[in-house]
C-alpha atoms as a PDB file:
ATOM      1  CA  MET A   1     -11.760   7.579  -2.820  1.00  0.00           C
ATOM      2  CA  CYS A   2      -8.630   8.306  -1.542  1.00  0.00           C
ATOM      3  CA  VAL A   3      -8.347  10.476   0.985  1.00  0.00           C
ATOM      4  CA  LEU A   4      -4.565  12.364   1.015  1.00  0.00           C
ATOM      5  CA  ASP A   5      -4.918  15.213   3.274  1.00  0.00           C
ATOM      6  CA  PRO A   6      -8.194  14.099   5.526  1.00  0.00           C
ATOM      7  CA  LYS A   7      -8.091  18.114   6.844  1.00  0.00           C
ATOM      8  CA  VAL A   8      -8.977  19.119   3.246  1.00  0.00           C
ATOM      9  CA  VAL A   9     -12.024  16.959   2.604  1.00  0.00           C
ATOM     10  CA  SER A  10     -12.986  15.903   6.100  1.00  0.00           C
ATOM     11  CA  GLN A  11     -16.198  18.627   6.244  1.00  0.00           C
ATOM     12  CA  ALA A  12     -17.125  17.754   2.729  1.00  0.00           C
ATOM     13  CA  MET A  13     -16.965  13.883   3.600  1.00  0.00           C
ATOM     14  CA  LYS A  14     -19.003  14.626   6.902  1.00  0.00           C
ATOM     15  CA  GLN A  15     -21.515  16.597   4.854  1.00  0.00           C
ATOM     16  CA  ALA A  16     -21.918  13.628   2.774  1.00  0.00           C
ATOM     17  CA  ALA A  17     -22.315  10.751   5.494  1.00  0.00           C
ATOM     18  CA  ASP A  18     -24.855  12.613   7.022  1.00  0.00           C
ATOM     19  CA  LYS A  19     -26.799  12.401   4.049  1.00  0.00           C
ATOM     20  CA  GLY A  20     -26.526   8.927   3.945  1.00  0.00           C
ATOM     21  CA  VAL A  21     -23.660   8.847   1.913  1.00  0.00           C
ATOM     22  CA  TRP A  22     -21.569   5.254   1.593  1.00  0.00           C
ATOM     23  CA  PHE A  23     -17.820   5.423   1.256  1.00  0.00           C
ATOM     24  CA  VAL A  24     -15.261   3.069  -0.621  1.00  0.00           C
ATOM     25  CA  GLN A  25     -11.827   3.839   0.411  1.00  0.00           C
ATOM     26  CA  PHE A  26      -8.918   2.659  -1.442  1.00  0.00           C
ATOM     27  CA  ALA A  27      -6.240   4.158   0.213  1.00  0.00           C
ATOM     28  CA  GLY A  28      -6.170   4.926   4.008  1.00  0.00           C
ATOM     29  CA  CYS A  29      -8.627   4.449   6.293  1.00  0.00           C
ATOM     30  CA  GLU A  30     -10.428   8.034   7.398  1.00  0.00           C
ATOM     31  CA  PRO A  31     -12.734   7.405  10.559  1.00  0.00           C
ATOM     32  CA  GLY A  32     -16.295   8.383  11.154  1.00  0.00           C
ATOM     33  CA  LEU A  33     -17.542   7.684   7.999  1.00  0.00           C
ATOM     34  CA  ARG A  34     -20.288   4.636   6.785  1.00  0.00           C
ATOM     35  CA  GLY A  35     -18.665   2.600   4.168  1.00  0.00           C
ATOM     36  CA  ILE A  36     -15.550   0.062   3.518  1.00  0.00           C
ATOM     37  CA  GLY A  37     -11.818   0.092   3.387  1.00  0.00           C
ATOM     38  CA  ILE A  38      -9.858  -2.178   0.607  1.00  0.00           C
ATOM     39  CA  SER A  39      -6.324  -0.979   0.791  1.00  0.00           C
ATOM     40  CA  ILE A  40      -3.576  -2.305   2.878  1.00  0.00           C
ATOM     41  CA  ASP A  41      -2.905  -0.250   5.996  1.00  0.00           C
ATOM     42  CA  ASP A  42      -0.244   2.336   5.288  1.00  0.00           C
ATOM     43  CA  ALA A  43       1.432   1.769   8.757  1.00  0.00           C
ATOM     44  CA  ASP A  44       1.375  -2.093   7.701  1.00  0.00           C
ATOM     45  CA  LEU A  45       2.859  -0.866   4.049  1.00  0.00           C
ATOM     46  CA  GLY A  46       5.722   0.899   5.661  1.00  0.00           C
ATOM     47  CA  ARG A  47       6.299  -2.258   7.970  1.00  0.00           C
ATOM     48  CA  ALA A  48       6.347  -4.377   4.556  1.00  0.00           C
ATOM     49  CA  ALA A  49       9.284  -2.057   3.046  1.00  0.00           C
ATOM     50  CA  GLY A  50      10.931  -1.565   6.507  1.00  0.00           C
ATOM     51  CA  LYS A  51      11.242  -5.235   7.075  1.00  0.00           C
ATOM     52  CA  PHE A  52      12.164  -6.071   3.075  1.00  0.00           C
ATOM     53  CA  ALA A  53      15.360  -3.285   3.677  1.00  0.00           C
ATOM     54  CA  ALA A  54      16.254  -4.909   7.060  1.00  0.00           C
ATOM     55  CA  ASN A  55      16.286  -8.424   5.329  1.00  0.00           C
ATOM     56  CA  LEU A  56      18.390  -7.018   2.858  1.00  0.00           C
ATOM     57  CA  ILE A  57      20.811  -5.452   4.998  1.00  0.00           C
ATOM     58  CA  ASN A  58      21.339  -8.215   7.218  1.00  0.00           C
ATOM     59  CA  ARG A  59      21.603 -10.494   4.275  1.00  0.00           C
ATOM     60  CA  ASP A  60      23.806  -8.994   1.747  1.00  0.00           C
ATOM     61  CA  MET A  61      25.137  -5.854   3.436  1.00  0.00           C
ATOM     62  CA  SER A  62      26.736  -8.244   6.644  1.00  0.00           C
ATOM     63  CA  GLY A  63      23.791  -5.714   8.569  1.00  0.00           C
ATOM     64  CA  SER A  64      25.524  -2.589   8.178  1.00  0.00           C
ATOM     65  CA  ALA A  65      24.390   0.175   5.744  1.00  0.00           C
ATOM     66  CA  LYS A  66      23.791   3.802   5.916  1.00  0.00           C
ATOM     67  CA  VAL A  67      19.988   4.777   5.245  1.00  0.00           C
ATOM     68  CA  VAL A  68      17.741   7.316   4.413  1.00  0.00           C
ATOM     69  CA  ILE A  69      14.147   7.019   4.502  1.00  0.00           C
ATOM     70  CA  LEU A  70      12.344   9.521   2.186  1.00  0.00           C
ATOM     71  CA  ASP A  71       9.336  11.067   3.630  1.00  0.00           C
ATOM     72  CA  TYR A  72       6.493  13.393   3.051  1.00  0.00           C
ATOM     73  CA  PRO A  73       5.327  15.066   6.179  1.00  0.00           C
ATOM     74  CA  ASP A  74       2.593  16.964   4.893  1.00  0.00           C
ATOM     75  CA  LEU A  75       0.337  14.063   4.893  1.00  0.00           C
ATOM     76  CA  PRO A  76      -0.957  11.771   7.554  1.00  0.00           C
ATOM     77  CA  ASN A  77      -0.885   8.566   5.499  1.00  0.00           C
ATOM     78  CA  THR A  78       3.020   9.066   4.128  1.00  0.00           C
ATOM     79  CA  VAL A  79       4.220   9.949   8.086  1.00  0.00           C
ATOM     80  CA  ALA A  80       2.539   6.317   9.073  1.00  0.00           C
ATOM     81  CA  ARG A  81       4.350   5.001   6.309  1.00  0.00           C
ATOM     82  CA  ALA A  82       8.026   6.600   6.869  1.00  0.00           C
ATOM     83  CA  ASP A  83       7.375   5.998  11.038  1.00  0.00           C
ATOM     84  CA  ALA A  84       6.920   2.195  10.285  1.00  0.00           C
ATOM     85  CA  ILE A  85       9.513   2.090   8.216  1.00  0.00           C
ATOM     86  CA  GLU A  86      11.968   3.714  10.695  1.00  0.00           C
ATOM     87  CA  SER A  87      10.395   1.674  13.549  1.00  0.00           C
ATOM     88  CA  THR A  88      11.022  -1.767  11.771  1.00  0.00           C
ATOM     89  CA  LEU A  89      14.578  -0.976  10.539  1.00  0.00           C
ATOM     90  CA  LYS A  90      15.497   0.077  14.077  1.00  0.00           C
ATOM     91  CA  GLU A  91      14.269  -3.175  15.321  1.00  0.00           C
ATOM     92  CA  LEU A  92      15.177  -5.914  12.486  1.00  0.00           C
ATOM     93  CA  ALA A  93      18.643  -4.352  11.387  1.00  0.00           C
ATOM     94  CA  PRO A  94      20.175  -2.709  14.592  1.00  0.00           C
ATOM     95  CA  GLY A  95      23.356  -2.142  12.593  1.00  0.00           C
ATOM     96  CA  ALA A  96      22.189   0.052  10.127  1.00  0.00           C
ATOM     97  CA  VAL A  97      22.646   3.709  10.662  1.00  0.00           C
ATOM     98  CA  ILE A  98      19.334   5.768   9.477  1.00  0.00           C
ATOM     99  CA  VAL A  99      21.037   9.276   8.422  1.00  0.00           C
ATOM    100  CA  GLY A 100      17.868  11.023   8.300  1.00  0.00           C
ATOM    101  CA  ARG A 101      14.374  11.238   7.215  1.00  0.00           C
ATOM    102  CA  PHE A 102      14.526  13.478   4.015  1.00  0.00           C
ATOM    103  CA  MET A 103      11.661  15.157   1.652  1.00  0.00           C
ATOM    104  CA  GLY A 104      10.749  12.800  -0.852  1.00  0.00           C
ATOM    105  CA  GLY A 105       7.255  12.387  -2.566  1.00  0.00           C
ATOM    106  CA  THR A 106       7.853  13.491  -6.081  1.00  0.00           C
ATOM    107  CA  ARG A 107      10.735  12.564  -8.304  1.00  0.00           C
ATOM    108  CA  GLU A 108      12.191  16.364  -8.073  1.00  0.00           C
ATOM    109  CA  LYS A 109      12.339  16.462  -4.447  1.00  0.00           C
ATOM    110  CA  GLY A 110      13.493  12.823  -3.994  1.00  0.00           C
ATOM    111  CA  LEU A 111      16.482  13.834  -6.334  1.00  0.00           C
ATOM    112  CA  ALA A 112      17.383  17.291  -4.474  1.00  0.00           C
ATOM    113  CA  SER A 113      17.186  15.422  -0.797  1.00  0.00           C
ATOM    114  CA  LEU A 114      19.621  12.911  -2.107  1.00  0.00           C
ATOM    115  CA  GLU A 115      21.883  15.168  -3.721  1.00  0.00           C
ATOM    116  CA  ALA A 116      22.269  17.216  -0.228  1.00  0.00           C
ATOM    117  CA  ALA A 117      22.380  13.810   1.984  1.00  0.00           C
ATOM    118  CA  LEU A 118      25.112  12.470  -0.541  1.00  0.00           C
ATOM    119  CA  GLN A 119      27.658  15.617   0.146  1.00  0.00           C
ATOM    120  CA  ALA A 120      27.246  14.967   4.177  1.00  0.00           C
ATOM    121  CA  ASN A 121      27.349  11.221   3.677  1.00  0.00           C
ATOM    122  CA  PRO A 122      28.854   9.628   0.615  1.00  0.00           C
ATOM    123  CA  ASP A 123      28.270   6.350   2.039  1.00  0.00           C
ATOM    124  CA  ILE A 124      24.857   5.903   1.840  1.00  0.00           C
ATOM    125  CA  ASN A 125      23.858   2.835   0.301  1.00  0.00           C
ATOM    126  CA  VAL A 126      20.245   2.292   0.989  1.00  0.00           C
ATOM    127  CA  VAL A 127      16.845   4.326   0.268  1.00  0.00           C
ATOM    128  CA  VAL A 128      13.964   3.664   1.563  1.00  0.00           C
ATOM    129  CA  SER A 129      11.165   5.876   0.008  1.00  0.00           C
ATOM    130  CA  ILE A 130       7.419   6.596   1.382  1.00  0.00           C
ATOM    131  CA  ASN A 131       6.563   6.173  -2.427  1.00  0.00           C
ATOM    132  CA  ASP A 132       8.068   5.199  -5.597  1.00  0.00           C
ATOM    133  CA  ALA A 133       7.804   9.036  -7.283  1.00  0.00           C
ATOM    134  CA  GLY A 134      10.552  10.183  -4.951  1.00  0.00           C
ATOM    135  CA  ALA A 135      12.684   6.799  -4.714  1.00  0.00           C
ATOM    136  CA  TYR A 136      13.217   7.642  -9.076  1.00  0.00           C
ATOM    137  CA  GLY A 137      14.552  11.049  -8.058  1.00  0.00           C
ATOM    138  CA  ALA A 138      16.641   9.270  -5.316  1.00  0.00           C
ATOM    139  CA  MET A 139      17.807   6.487  -7.969  1.00  0.00           C
ATOM    140  CA  MET A 140      18.842   9.210  -9.822  1.00  0.00           C
ATOM    141  CA  ALA A 141      21.397  11.211  -7.172  1.00  0.00           C
ATOM    142  CA  LEU A 142      22.518   7.591  -6.688  1.00  0.00           C
ATOM    143  CA  LYS A 143      23.769   6.796 -10.101  1.00  0.00           C
ATOM    144  CA  ALA A 144      24.959  10.451 -10.401  1.00  0.00           C
ATOM    145  CA  ALA A 145      27.201   9.853  -7.397  1.00  0.00           C
ATOM    146  CA  GLY A 146      28.511   6.858  -9.343  1.00  0.00           C
ATOM    147  CA  LYS A 147      26.991   3.907  -6.681  1.00  0.00           C
ATOM    148  CA  ASP A 148      27.450   0.296  -7.458  1.00  0.00           C
ATOM    149  CA  PRO A 149      24.046  -0.943  -8.381  1.00  0.00           C
ATOM    150  CA  ALA A 150      24.652  -4.509  -6.824  1.00  0.00           C
ATOM    151  CA  LYS A 151      25.965  -2.981  -3.750  1.00  0.00           C
ATOM    152  CA  THR A 152      23.115   0.079  -3.318  1.00  0.00           C
ATOM    153  CA  ALA A 153      19.423  -0.617  -2.484  1.00  0.00           C
ATOM    154  CA  VAL A 154      16.323   1.773  -3.434  1.00  0.00           C
ATOM    155  CA  ILE A 155      12.848   0.608  -2.245  1.00  0.00           C
ATOM    156  CA  GLY A 156       9.743   2.224  -2.620  1.00  0.00           C
ATOM    157  CA  ILE A 157       5.866   1.791  -2.574  1.00  0.00           C
ATOM    158  CA  ASP A 158       3.002   2.203  -4.639  1.00  0.00           C
ATOM    159  CA  ALA A 159       4.126  -0.336  -7.416  1.00  0.00           C
ATOM    160  CA  GLU A 160       3.791   2.095 -10.172  1.00  0.00           C
ATOM    161  CA  LYS A 161       4.422   0.441 -13.524  1.00  0.00           C
ATOM    162  CA  GLU A 162       7.916   2.480 -14.052  1.00  0.00           C
ATOM    163  CA  ALA A 163       8.793   0.876 -10.637  1.00  0.00           C
ATOM    164  CA  LEU A 164       7.911  -2.809 -11.784  1.00  0.00           C
ATOM    165  CA  LYS A 165      10.169  -2.341 -15.026  1.00  0.00           C
ATOM    166  CA  LEU A 166      13.043  -1.224 -13.130  1.00  0.00           C
ATOM    167  CA  VAL A 167      12.673  -4.260 -11.119  1.00  0.00           C
ATOM    168  CA  LYS A 168      12.705  -6.401 -13.998  1.00  0.00           C
ATOM    169  CA  GLU A 169      15.473  -4.730 -15.043  1.00  0.00           C
ATOM    170  CA  GLY A 170      17.649  -5.159 -12.302  1.00  0.00           C
ATOM    171  CA  GLY A 171      19.908  -2.938 -10.513  1.00  0.00           C
ATOM    172  CA  MET A 172      19.296  -0.340  -7.661  1.00  0.00           C
ATOM    173  CA  TYR A 173      15.504  -0.551  -7.855  1.00  0.00           C
ATOM    174  CA  ARG A 174      14.652  -3.372  -5.333  1.00  0.00           C
ATOM    175  CA  ALA A 175      11.162  -3.573  -4.457  1.00  0.00           C
ATOM    176  CA  PRO A 176       7.869  -1.573  -5.090  1.00  0.00           C
ATOM    177  CA  TRP A 177       5.160  -2.430  -2.451  1.00  0.00           C
ATOM    178  CA  THR A 178       1.916  -2.011  -3.534  1.00  0.00           C
ATOM    179  CA  PRO A 179      -0.938  -0.633  -1.376  1.00  0.00           C
ATOM    180  CA  SER A 180      -3.847  -3.203  -3.465  1.00  0.00           C
ATOM    181  CA  PRO A 181      -4.566  -6.050  -1.599  1.00  0.00           C
ATOM    182  CA  ARG A 182      -4.055  -8.016  -4.915  1.00  0.00           C
ATOM    183  CA  ALA A 183      -1.010  -6.670  -6.546  1.00  0.00           C
ATOM    184  CA  PRO A 184       0.648  -8.043  -9.745  1.00  0.00           C
ATOM    185  CA  ALA A 185       3.822 -10.411  -9.546  1.00  0.00           C
ATOM    186  CA  ASN A 186       7.061  -9.731 -10.847  1.00  0.00           C
ATOM    187  CA  SER A 187      10.358 -11.792 -10.970  1.00  0.00           C
ATOM    188  CA  ARG A 188      12.148  -9.880  -8.426  1.00  0.00           C
ATOM    189  CA  ARG A 189       9.513  -8.520  -6.198  1.00  0.00           C
ATOM    190  CA  ARG A 190       9.420 -10.249  -3.017  1.00  0.00           C
ATOM    191  CA  ARG A 191       5.978  -9.994  -1.090  1.00  0.00           C
ATOM    192  CA  PRO A 192       5.433 -10.637   2.298  1.00  0.00           C
ATOM    193  CA  SER A 193       5.066 -13.864   3.608  1.00  0.00           C
ATOM    194  CA  ARG A 194       2.262 -13.365   5.315  1.00  0.00           C
ATOM    195  CA  TRP A 195       0.059 -10.089   4.704  1.00  0.00           C
ATOM    196  CA  PRO A 196      -1.023  -7.717   7.410  1.00  0.00           C
ATOM    197  CA  PRO A 197      -4.286  -9.183   8.825  1.00  0.00           C
ATOM    198  CA  ALA A 198      -7.384  -7.335   8.599  1.00  0.00           C
ATOM    199  CA  ARG A 199      -7.992  -4.684  11.307  1.00  0.00           C
ATOM    200  CA  PRO A 200     -11.641  -3.147  12.010  1.00  0.00           C
ATOM    201  CA  CYS A 201     -11.474   0.697  12.196  1.00  0.00           C
ATOM    202  CA  PRO A 202     -13.953   3.511  13.324  1.00  0.00           C
ATOM    203  CA  ASN A 203     -17.537   3.045  11.542  1.00  0.00           C
ATOM    204  CA  GLY A 204     -16.300  -0.475   9.652  1.00  0.00           C
ATOM    205  CA  CYS A 205     -13.538   0.377   7.225  1.00  0.00           C
ATOM    206  CA  GLY A 206     -10.682  -2.047   7.436  1.00  0.00           C
ATOM    207  CA  SER A 207      -7.775  -3.060   5.759  1.00  0.00           C
ATOM    208  CA  PRO A 208      -7.919  -6.327   3.525  1.00  0.00           C
ATOM    209  CA  SER A 209      -5.493  -9.364   3.704  1.00  0.00           C
ATOM    210  CA  ARG A 210      -4.101 -11.384   1.248  1.00  0.00           C
ATOM    211  CA  SER A 211      -7.374 -13.697   0.532  1.00  0.00           C
ATOM    212  CA  SER A 212      -9.934 -11.953   1.187  1.00  0.00           C
ATOM    213  CA  VAL A 213     -11.236  -8.509   1.756  1.00  0.00           C
ATOM    214  CA  LYS A 214     -12.886  -8.193   5.193  1.00  0.00           C
ATOM    215  CA  ARG A 215     -15.628  -5.512   5.180  1.00  0.00           C
ATOM    216  CA  GLU A 216     -17.275  -4.046   8.641  1.00  0.00           C
ATOM    217  CA  ARG A 217     -20.048  -2.163   8.229  1.00  0.00           C
ATOM    218  CA  SER A 218     -22.625  -0.204  10.409  1.00  0.00           C
ATOM    219  CA  GLU A 219     -26.482  -1.336  10.472  1.00  0.00           C
ATOM    220  CA  GLN A 220     -26.167  -4.918   8.841  1.00  0.00           C
ATOM    221  CA  THR A 221     -28.614  -7.254   9.937  1.00  0.00           C
ATOM    222  CA  MET A 222     -26.623 -10.397   8.905  1.00  0.00           C
ATOM    223  CA  ASP A 223     -24.444 -11.878  11.399  1.00  0.00           C
ATOM    224  CA  LYS A 224     -20.895 -11.258  10.962  1.00  0.00           C
ATOM    225  CA  PRO A 225     -19.440 -14.904  10.503  1.00  0.00           C
ATOM    226  CA  ALA A 226     -22.183 -15.311   7.854  1.00  0.00           C
ATOM    227  CA  ARG A 227     -21.542 -11.447   6.417  1.00  0.00           C
ATOM    228  CA  ASP A 228     -17.243 -12.312   6.293  1.00  0.00           C
ATOM    229  CA  LYS A 229     -18.359 -15.316   4.375  1.00  0.00           C
ATOM    230  CA  PHE A 230     -20.122 -13.721   1.722  1.00  0.00           C
ATOM    231  CA  LEU A 231     -18.329 -10.607   1.501  1.00  0.00           C
ATOM    232  CA  ASN A 232     -15.291 -13.227   0.798  1.00  0.00           C
ATOM    233  CA  LEU A 233     -17.116 -15.301  -1.918  1.00  0.00           C
ATOM    234  CA  VAL A 234     -18.170 -11.982  -3.301  1.00  0.00           C
ATOM    235  CA  ALA A 235     -14.280 -10.420  -3.441  1.00  0.00           C
ATOM    236  CA  ASP A 236     -12.850 -13.762  -4.606  1.00  0.00           C
ATOM    237  CA  ASN A 237     -15.899 -14.409  -7.483  1.00  0.00           C
ATOM    238  CA  GLY A 238     -16.991 -10.688  -7.953  1.00  0.00           C
ATOM    239  CA  PHE A 239     -17.081 -11.328 -12.263  1.00  0.00           C
ATOM    240  CA  ILE A 240     -19.188 -14.492 -11.388  1.00  0.00           C
ATOM    241  CA  VAL A 241     -21.467 -13.018  -9.110  1.00  0.00           C
ATOM    242  CA  ILE A 242     -22.140  -9.989 -11.297  1.00  0.00           C
ATOM    243  CA  PHE A 243     -22.354 -11.863 -14.513  1.00  0.00           C
ATOM    244  CA  ALA A 244     -25.336 -14.012 -12.567  1.00  0.00           C
ATOM    245  CA  LEU A 245     -27.371 -11.284 -11.229  1.00  0.00           C
ATOM    246  CA  TRP A 246     -27.182  -9.993 -14.985  1.00  0.00           C
ATOM    247  CA  PHE A 247     -28.329 -12.999 -16.127  1.00  0.00           C
ATOM    248  CA  LEU A 248     -31.221 -13.134 -13.188  1.00  0.00           C
ATOM    249  CA  PHE A 249     -32.135  -9.471 -14.301  1.00  0.00           C
ATOM    250  CA  LEU A 250     -32.784 -10.012 -17.842  1.00  0.00           C
ATOM    251  CA  SER A 251     -34.531 -13.672 -16.981  1.00  0.00           C
ATOM    252  CA  TRP A 252     -36.964 -11.952 -14.389  1.00  0.00           C
ATOM    253  CA  PRO A 253     -40.250 -12.057 -14.219  1.00  0.00           C
ATOM    254  CA  PRO A 254     -40.619 -15.522 -15.729  1.00  0.00           C
ATOM    255  CA  THR A 255     -42.751 -16.791 -18.781  1.00  0.00           C
ATOM    256  CA  PRO A 256     -45.239 -19.297 -18.712  1.00  0.00           C
ATOM    257  CA  SER A 257     -42.964 -20.785 -21.323  1.00  0.00           C
ATOM    258  CA  SER A 258     -39.807 -20.332 -19.007  1.00  0.00           C
ATOM    259  CA  ARG A 259     -37.640 -23.281 -17.824  1.00  0.00           C
ATOM    260  CA  TRP A 260     -37.956 -21.368 -14.301  1.00  0.00           C
ATOM    261  CA  THR A 261     -42.094 -22.122 -14.898  1.00  0.00           C
ATOM    262  CA  THR A 262     -42.598 -24.660 -11.792  1.00  0.00           C
ATOM    263  CA  ARG A 263     -45.497 -27.250 -12.208  1.00  0.00           C
END
């Protein structure tokens, strides 16, 4: 389940939870629900994108750049990403100037926002977007303005197929970050040197680390170390576990001639 706007679905989700429904949230972490979360926290995604942008500015642009952040203020998850992008840039690249936060989220809005921003600030050379879709529009505006791809950077989040293709082709699109704890690698995309640690949130949903998915669930009888060890084993060997359970299901109950028969 991906909760884009908690206000819209919160009541229905609460009613389902009251009836015993468990939730698997693969984007965001809506509190008050029984279940698990298997995505990277939105603030951590924003920090990762902001850190990548800051390192690029410091390394390739001598610490100076004009930056636009593409936001989508209608959704709290994307606001958390944009807030983290902005705070991380200010911390790690103090010489960069954040021109402002503009409406993104879709290709059309990203294009319109960058066209307007470039009229007032023609020297914009870095765009960090809360998703890939808005970044595509921003790149269209930057290309139309005649920006040099070698001196311009567009950074998105979501790692869509189109974004991964653009990264491999080279040019302005430098890195699409992904909400998935297990992301496909590509030649130019840089991943965090250390994935954000898992952090519990209300009623047990949490953000996964790179090597495991740590789940906190209420009403568990297993002690926490043993539970974490078991869940990590399942996360890392899911196919083997499913095959073993399937084999046991077909083999049970044992027949007298079965090799499972004890003597």
